[in-house]
Amino acid sequence: MSAPTVLRPTYRYRLECWQDRAQRVLEIPLERRHFDRAIQATLFEGLRRGRFSTYQAPPEGIRIEPTFPGRHPSPLASGFTITVPTPDGGEHSLTFSSSYFHSKARRQLAALVVQNQLAGEGVLGYRLAAYLEEDQPRHPRLGGMLLEDDSPAIPIKDRSLRHLGTLVAWDSPVEEDLRVVIPHAVLEDAIGEARAFPEHEVGGFLLGHLCRDPETRELFLLATCHLPAEHTEATDTSVTFTPESWTRAREVIALRGEEEMFVGWVHSHPFRFCAECPMPARPECQSKILFFSSDDVFLMELTCPQPFMVGLQTAVEPRLEQALGHLPVRLYGWRQGEVTPRGFHVIPE
């Protein structure tokens, strides 16, 4: 006897933005593209666990389902779960909290404030809501939001960690994160570019490979080159990559002939400690120089959305190296679809 068909409901998702927890000021419909980073993060986590042999989404069957905080019927969702079918006929899932949409809601609300469309100075907030799509056809065993994906596969190189030599941990990397390996010379190149232009921000690209150790089967990211970005638009508080910046970078990648790809981006902060700042500097002082602004997060969402990609922050403050115990850099990467600071490993000189 065949198993009974399971019908799962389908949903429409939206962000509902509120002022003072009472007045709804904005509704943002969510489409497939708004979940792209979560889909890639789920696929990548499955790749790290050996559920997939290639980094490429299946052509069909991906779904998004809301997670609700309680048993009482309510459209308020605490998050959502991405489920991807695996080659062996099973499924791989990963759950994300509603904070996944924090930066998007914040940008939309900030735009309303700038446009003077919000009255008063009340507290602004948002929530994720999932409403049943009653009129949408239901599919056996496939609920939530049904998706198809035609993204190209990302190459994975065979590279032995043992053959890279001694690796030195910086900023306490955790096992749950993808290992990121950066040669010391690449970091020096990035710092050198920042110090050459100490009065304004500079940007660049990290080139490298996504690798799997043939002995341990560990997946890791290897950065191989810092490439200064050309044709940027820079101020003392921002740097903008132009289409010409990306075109020139692709030309250099082709000229290098190493089959590298973009694995991250770099930008500097020209800020300094105040004269009376005690040494070594307190963490809150360090965070005034090395930090990712909301604009930095937005740029990373646009240009480096893959879960293995990173953002390298560099600084020119000479006393920062004493406080950190290493070159004045901080690495940011993806964790559960959100940008967070993270530790990494360095190949010494």
Protein backbone atom coordinates (compact mmCIF):
# COMPACT_ATOMS: atom_id res chain seq x y z
CA MET A 1 0.00 0.00 0.00
CA SER A 2 1.43 3.36 -0.96
CA ALA A 3 2.00 6.04 1.65
CA PRO A 4 -0.71 8.70 1.90
CA THR A 5 -0.10 11.97 0.08
CA VAL A 6 0.90 14.78 2.41
CA LEU A 7 -0.36 18.23 1.47
CA ARG A 8 1.51 21.18 2.91
CA PRO A 9 0.09 24.70 2.83
CA THR A 10 1.75 27.43 0.81
CA TYR A 11 2.41 30.90 2.19
CA ARG A 12 2.91 34.51 1.24
CA TYR A 13 5.61 36.26 3.28
CA ARG A 14 5.96 39.90 4.20
CA LEU A 15 7.69 42.18 6.69
CA GLU A 16 5.31 44.31 8.72
CA CYS A 17 6.95 47.45 10.12
CA TRP A 18 5.50 49.18 13.16
CA GLN A 19 5.91 52.35 15.16
CA ASP A 20 5.54 52.17 18.96
CA ARG A 21 4.26 48.56 18.61
CA ALA A 22 0.86 49.86 17.53
CA GLN A 23 0.83 51.76 14.26
CA ARG A 24 1.67 49.75 11.16
CA VAL A 25 3.70 52.06 8.89
CA LEU A 26 4.93 49.78 6.11
CA GLU A 27 4.39 46.34 4.58
CA ILE A 28 7.16 44.78 2.47
CA PRO A 29 6.17 41.78 0.33
CA LEU A 30 8.93 39.16 0.22
CA GLU A 31 9.80 37.34 -2.98
CA ARG A 32 12.13 34.49 -3.87
CA ARG A 33 15.14 36.81 -4.27
CA HIS A 34 14.83 37.95 -0.68
CA PHE A 35 15.60 34.39 0.48
CA ASP A 36 18.54 33.78 -1.87
CA ARG A 37 21.25 34.08 0.78
CA ALA A 38 19.39 31.69 3.06
CA ILE A 39 19.04 29.15 0.25
CA GLN A 40 22.74 29.35 -0.52
CA ALA A 41 23.60 29.07 3.18
CA THR A 42 21.48 25.92 3.47
CA LEU A 43 23.06 24.36 0.41
CA PHE A 44 26.55 25.30 1.62
CA GLU A 45 25.98 23.85 5.09
CA GLY A 46 24.81 20.63 3.43
CA LEU A 47 27.94 20.65 1.28
CA ARG A 48 30.14 20.96 4.38
CA ARG A 49 28.29 18.03 5.98
CA GLY A 50 28.70 15.84 2.89
CA ARG A 51 25.00 15.88 1.91
CA PHE A 52 25.92 17.31 -1.50
CA SER A 53 28.94 16.57 -3.68
CA THR A 54 28.82 19.83 -5.68
CA TYR A 55 27.98 23.39 -4.74
CA GLN A 56 24.94 23.73 -6.97
CA ALA A 57 21.29 23.92 -6.02
CA PRO A 58 18.99 21.19 -7.38
CA PRO A 59 16.81 22.30 -10.31
CA GLU A 60 13.58 22.04 -8.32
CA GLY A 61 12.04 21.09 -4.99
CA ILE A 62 13.52 23.82 -2.75
CA ARG A 63 10.94 25.17 -0.34
CA ILE A 64 10.57 27.75 2.40
CA GLU A 65 8.34 27.11 5.40
CA PRO A 66 7.57 29.50 8.28
CA THR A 67 8.36 28.65 11.87
CA PHE A 68 5.79 29.81 14.40
CA PRO A 69 6.58 30.51 18.07
CA GLY A 70 3.46 28.90 19.55
CA ARG A 71 0.49 26.67 18.91
CA HIS A 72 -2.08 29.42 18.62
CA PRO A 73 -3.01 30.36 15.04
CA SER A 74 -1.16 33.53 14.12
CA PRO A 75 0.63 34.87 11.03
CA LEU A 76 3.53 36.05 13.22
CA ALA A 77 6.56 33.91 12.39
CA SER A 78 9.69 33.62 14.49
CA GLY A 79 11.64 32.67 11.38
CA PHE A 80 11.64 30.27 8.47
CA THR A 81 13.18 26.98 7.38
CA ILE A 82 14.82 26.29 4.02
CA THR A 83 14.61 22.69 2.82
CA VAL A 84 16.65 21.41 -0.12
CA PRO A 85 16.29 17.91 -1.62
CA THR A 86 19.48 15.83 -1.52
CA PRO A 87 20.79 13.49 -4.25
CA ASP A 88 20.05 10.41 -2.10
CA GLY A 89 16.34 11.19 -2.03
CA GLY A 90 16.40 12.84 1.38
CA GLU A 91 16.28 16.47 2.46
CA HIS A 92 18.59 18.96 4.13
CA SER A 93 17.11 21.83 6.16
CA LEU A 94 18.35 24.93 7.96
CA THR A 95 16.31 27.32 10.10
CA PHE A 96 16.77 31.10 10.20
CA SER A 97 15.37 33.62 12.67
CA SER A 98 13.41 36.70 11.61
CA SER A 99 16.55 38.77 12.29
CA TYR A 100 17.71 37.56 8.87
CA PHE A 101 15.67 40.50 7.51
CA HIS A 102 16.96 43.07 10.01
CA SER A 103 19.08 45.07 7.57
CA LYS A 104 16.34 45.14 4.94
CA ALA A 105 13.72 46.40 7.38
CA ARG A 106 16.15 48.94 8.80
CA ARG A 107 16.92 50.39 5.35
CA GLN A 108 13.25 50.65 4.43
CA LEU A 109 12.36 52.38 7.70
CA ALA A 110 15.33 54.73 7.42
CA ALA A 111 14.11 55.76 3.96
CA LEU A 112 10.70 56.69 5.44
CA VAL A 113 12.38 58.78 8.13
CA VAL A 114 14.52 60.62 5.56
CA GLN A 115 11.44 61.28 3.44
CA ASN A 116 9.58 62.66 6.50
CA GLN A 117 6.85 60.05 6.10
CA LEU A 118 6.91 59.04 9.77
CA ALA A 119 5.39 61.32 12.37
CA GLY A 120 6.98 61.78 15.78
CA GLU A 121 9.99 60.01 17.24
CA GLY A 122 8.49 56.67 18.23
CA VAL A 123 10.27 53.34 18.43
CA LEU A 124 10.35 51.50 15.10
CA GLY A 125 10.28 47.74 14.71
CA TYR A 126 9.34 44.95 12.35
CA ARG A 127 8.05 41.40 12.33
CA LEU A 128 7.96 38.55 9.82
CA ALA A 129 4.48 37.40 8.85
CA ALA A 130 3.43 34.35 6.81
CA TYR A 131 -0.10 34.20 5.44
CA LEU A 132 -1.73 31.14 3.90
CA GLU A 133 -1.99 31.33 0.14
CA GLU A 134 -5.44 29.77 -0.03
CA ASP A 135 -5.90 30.23 -3.76
CA GLN A 136 -2.51 28.85 -4.75
CA PRO A 137 -2.42 25.19 -5.92
CA ARG A 138 -0.95 22.83 -3.33
CA HIS A 139 1.69 20.32 -4.27
CA PRO A 140 2.14 16.90 -2.68
CA ARG A 141 4.87 17.02 0.00
CA LEU A 142 6.07 20.43 -1.17
CA GLY A 143 4.81 23.32 0.92
CA GLY A 144 5.92 26.80 1.92
CA MET A 145 7.19 28.80 -1.02
CA LEU A 146 8.16 26.56 -3.96
CA LEU A 147 11.35 27.52 -5.77
CA GLU A 148 13.49 26.58 -8.70
CA ASP A 149 17.13 27.42 -9.01
CA ASP A 150 19.38 27.59 -12.07
CA SER A 151 22.52 29.05 -10.50
CA PRO A 152 25.81 27.69 -11.88
CA ALA A 153 27.98 25.32 -9.88
CA ILE A 154 30.92 26.88 -8.01
CA PRO A 155 34.20 25.00 -8.48
CA ILE A 156 35.84 23.29 -5.50
CA LYS A 157 39.60 22.71 -5.63
CA ASP A 158 41.42 19.76 -4.06
CA ARG A 159 43.93 21.37 -1.67
CA SER A 160 45.62 19.83 1.36
CA LEU A 161 45.60 21.92 4.52
CA ARG A 162 48.66 20.01 5.68
CA HIS A 163 50.60 21.15 2.64
CA LEU A 164 49.82 24.80 3.39
CA GLY A 165 52.15 24.55 6.39
CA THR A 166 51.65 25.92 9.88
CA LEU A 167 48.41 27.85 10.35
CA VAL A 168 48.11 30.51 13.06
CA ALA A 169 44.67 31.30 14.48
CA TRP A 170 43.68 34.98 14.66
CA ASP A 171 40.64 36.26 16.59
CA SER A 172 39.58 32.86 17.93
CA PRO A 173 37.98 31.02 14.99
CA VAL A 174 35.16 28.63 15.92
CA GLU A 175 34.66 25.16 14.50
CA GLU A 176 31.09 25.88 13.38
CA ASP A 177 32.33 28.49 10.89
CA LEU A 178 33.93 27.68 7.57
CA ARG A 179 37.71 27.78 7.98
CA VAL A 180 39.19 30.82 6.21
CA VAL A 181 42.92 30.74 5.41
CA ILE A 182 44.78 33.91 4.38
CA PRO A 183 48.54 34.20 3.74
CA HIS A 184 50.24 36.87 5.84
CA ALA A 185 51.52 38.51 2.65
CA VAL A 186 47.95 39.05 1.42
CA LEU A 187 47.09 40.83 4.67
CA GLU A 188 50.23 42.95 4.40
CA ASP A 189 49.24 43.97 0.87
CA ALA A 190 45.81 45.07 2.10
CA ILE A 191 47.31 47.04 5.00
CA GLY A 192 49.90 48.61 2.70
CA GLU A 193 47.17 49.87 0.39
CA ALA A 194 45.32 51.43 3.35
CA ARG A 195 48.47 53.12 4.67
CA ALA A 196 49.22 54.57 1.24
CA PHE A 197 45.96 56.54 1.45
CA PRO A 198 45.53 57.29 5.19
CA GLU A 199 43.03 60.15 4.81
CA HIS A 200 40.22 58.31 3.03
CA GLU A 201 38.80 54.83 2.61
CA VAL A 202 40.20 52.48 -0.02
CA GLY A 203 38.66 49.30 -1.36
CA GLY A 204 39.84 46.08 -2.88
CA PHE A 205 38.97 42.49 -3.68
CA LEU A 206 40.06 39.17 -2.24
CA LEU A 207 40.68 36.45 -4.81
CA GLY A 208 40.99 32.78 -4.02
CA HIS A 209 39.49 29.31 -4.12
CA LEU A 210 36.90 27.25 -2.34
CA CYS A 211 38.81 24.08 -1.41
CA ARG A 212 38.26 20.61 0.02
CA ASP A 213 41.04 18.74 1.79
CA PRO A 214 41.28 15.32 0.07
CA GLU A 215 42.44 13.68 3.32
CA THR A 216 40.08 15.14 5.95
CA ARG A 217 37.28 16.15 3.53
CA GLU A 218 37.12 19.54 5.29
CA LEU A 219 35.81 22.38 3.15
CA PHE A 220 37.70 25.67 3.54
CA LEU A 221 38.29 29.02 1.87
CA LEU A 222 41.79 29.96 0.71
CA ALA A 223 42.46 33.60 -0.15
CA THR A 224 45.36 33.93 -2.58
CA CYS A 225 45.53 37.60 -3.56
CA HIS A 226 44.56 41.10 -2.49
CA LEU A 227 43.62 43.11 -5.54
CA PRO A 228 43.33 46.91 -5.09
CA ALA A 229 40.12 48.19 -6.64
CA GLU A 230 40.56 50.71 -9.42
CA HIS A 231 38.08 53.40 -10.51
CA THR A 232 36.46 53.63 -7.06
CA GLU A 233 34.75 56.70 -5.59
CA ALA A 234 36.16 57.31 -2.10
CA THR A 235 35.60 59.73 0.80
CA ASP A 236 36.89 59.75 4.37
CA THR A 237 33.90 57.62 5.42
CA SER A 238 32.99 55.50 2.39
CA VAL A 239 34.22 53.79 -0.74
CA THR A 240 32.07 52.91 -3.74
CA PHE A 241 32.90 50.21 -6.29
CA THR A 242 31.92 51.26 -9.79
CA PRO A 243 31.16 48.97 -12.77
CA GLU A 244 34.65 49.85 -14.03
CA SER A 245 36.11 48.54 -10.75
CA TRP A 246 34.58 45.10 -11.34
CA THR A 247 35.49 45.05 -15.03
CA ARG A 248 39.13 45.82 -14.30
CA ALA A 249 39.24 43.18 -11.54
CA ARG A 250 37.93 40.52 -13.94
CA GLU A 251 40.60 41.51 -16.46
CA VAL A 252 43.32 41.03 -13.80
CA ILE A 253 41.88 37.63 -12.81
CA ALA A 254 42.09 36.53 -16.44
CA LEU A 255 45.66 37.81 -16.74
CA ARG A 256 46.75 35.96 -13.57
CA GLY A 257 45.53 32.68 -15.06
CA GLU A 258 45.11 30.98 -11.65
CA GLU A 259 41.40 30.17 -12.06
CA GLU A 260 40.71 32.34 -9.03
CA MET A 261 37.32 33.78 -8.20
CA PHE A 262 36.05 36.63 -6.06
CA VAL A 263 35.92 35.37 -2.47
CA GLY A 264 35.56 38.68 -0.64
CA TRP A 265 36.07 42.40 -0.52
CA VAL A 266 38.31 44.75 1.43
CA HIS A 267 37.91 48.28 2.69
CA SER A 268 39.86 50.47 5.07
CA HIS A 269 38.90 52.82 7.89
CA PRO A 270 41.10 55.91 8.31
CA PHE A 271 39.80 56.60 11.84
CA ARG A 272 42.20 57.08 14.77
CA PHE A 273 42.22 56.63 18.54
CA CYS A 274 41.90 59.80 20.56
CA ALA A 275 45.19 61.07 22.03
CA GLU A 276 44.29 60.14 25.62
CA CYS A 277 43.08 56.63 24.78
CA PRO A 278 44.82 54.15 27.16
CA MET A 279 46.89 51.33 25.71
CA PRO A 280 46.11 48.63 25.01
CA ALA A 281 42.87 50.12 23.75
CA ARG A 282 39.61 48.91 25.26
CA PRO A 283 37.33 46.75 23.05
CA GLU A 284 34.80 49.59 22.74
CA CYS A 285 37.58 51.85 21.40
CA GLN A 286 38.71 49.21 18.95
CA SER A 287 35.14 48.84 17.68
CA LYS A 288 35.08 52.53 16.77
CA ILE A 289 37.76 51.82 14.16
CA LEU A 290 37.12 48.25 13.06
CA PHE A 291 33.39 47.80 12.48
CA PHE A 292 30.92 47.05 9.72
CA SER A 293 28.37 49.81 9.23
CA SER A 294 24.85 49.19 7.91
CA ASP A 295 26.13 50.40 4.52
CA ASP A 296 28.94 47.84 4.67
CA VAL A 297 26.43 45.06 5.40
CA PHE A 298 24.27 46.22 2.50
CA LEU A 299 27.27 46.22 0.14
CA MET A 300 28.21 42.73 1.26
CA GLU A 301 24.65 41.54 0.65
CA LEU A 302 24.84 42.92 -2.88
CA THR A 303 28.36 42.00 -3.93
CA CYS A 304 29.43 39.06 -1.72
CA PRO A 305 26.23 37.15 -0.90
CA GLN A 306 27.62 33.61 -1.10
CA PRO A 307 27.98 31.98 2.35
CA PHE A 308 31.71 31.37 1.90
CA MET A 309 32.51 35.02 1.03
CA VAL A 310 34.14 37.38 3.51
CA GLY A 311 34.77 41.05 4.12
CA LEU A 312 38.19 42.20 5.34
CA GLN A 313 38.35 45.43 7.35
CA THR A 314 41.72 47.19 7.50
CA ALA A 315 42.88 50.20 9.53
CA VAL A 316 45.77 52.67 9.63
CA GLU A 317 45.80 53.46 13.36
CA PRO A 318 49.34 52.37 14.41
CA ARG A 319 48.36 51.63 18.05
CA LEU A 320 45.64 49.20 17.02
CA GLU A 321 48.16 46.45 16.27
CA GLN A 322 49.29 46.50 19.91
CA ALA A 323 45.70 46.12 21.07
CA LEU A 324 44.86 43.25 18.70
CA GLY A 325 48.16 41.40 18.88
CA HIS A 326 48.32 41.22 15.08
CA LEU A 327 48.00 43.40 11.99
CA PRO A 328 45.14 45.93 12.23
CA VAL A 329 42.50 43.87 10.43
CA ARG A 330 39.17 42.25 11.25
CA LEU A 331 37.36 39.65 9.18
CA TYR A 332 33.61 39.44 8.69
CA GLY A 333 31.66 36.55 7.23
CA TRP A 334 28.25 34.93 6.96
CA ARG A 335 26.63 32.97 9.78
CA GLN A 336 23.02 31.82 9.43
CA GLY A 337 22.50 34.41 6.72
CA GLU A 338 23.81 37.33 8.78
CA VAL A 339 27.14 39.20 8.68
CA THR A 340 29.24 38.72 11.82
CA PRO A 341 32.91 39.16 12.84
CA ARG A 342 34.79 35.89 12.74
CA GLY A 343 38.16 34.35 13.38
CA PHE A 344 40.44 32.98 10.67
CA HIS A 345 43.78 31.29 10.07
CA VAL A 346 46.94 32.89 8.75
CA ILE A 347 49.81 31.32 6.81
CA PRO A 348 52.89 33.00 8.38
CA GLU A 349 55.59 34.67 6.33
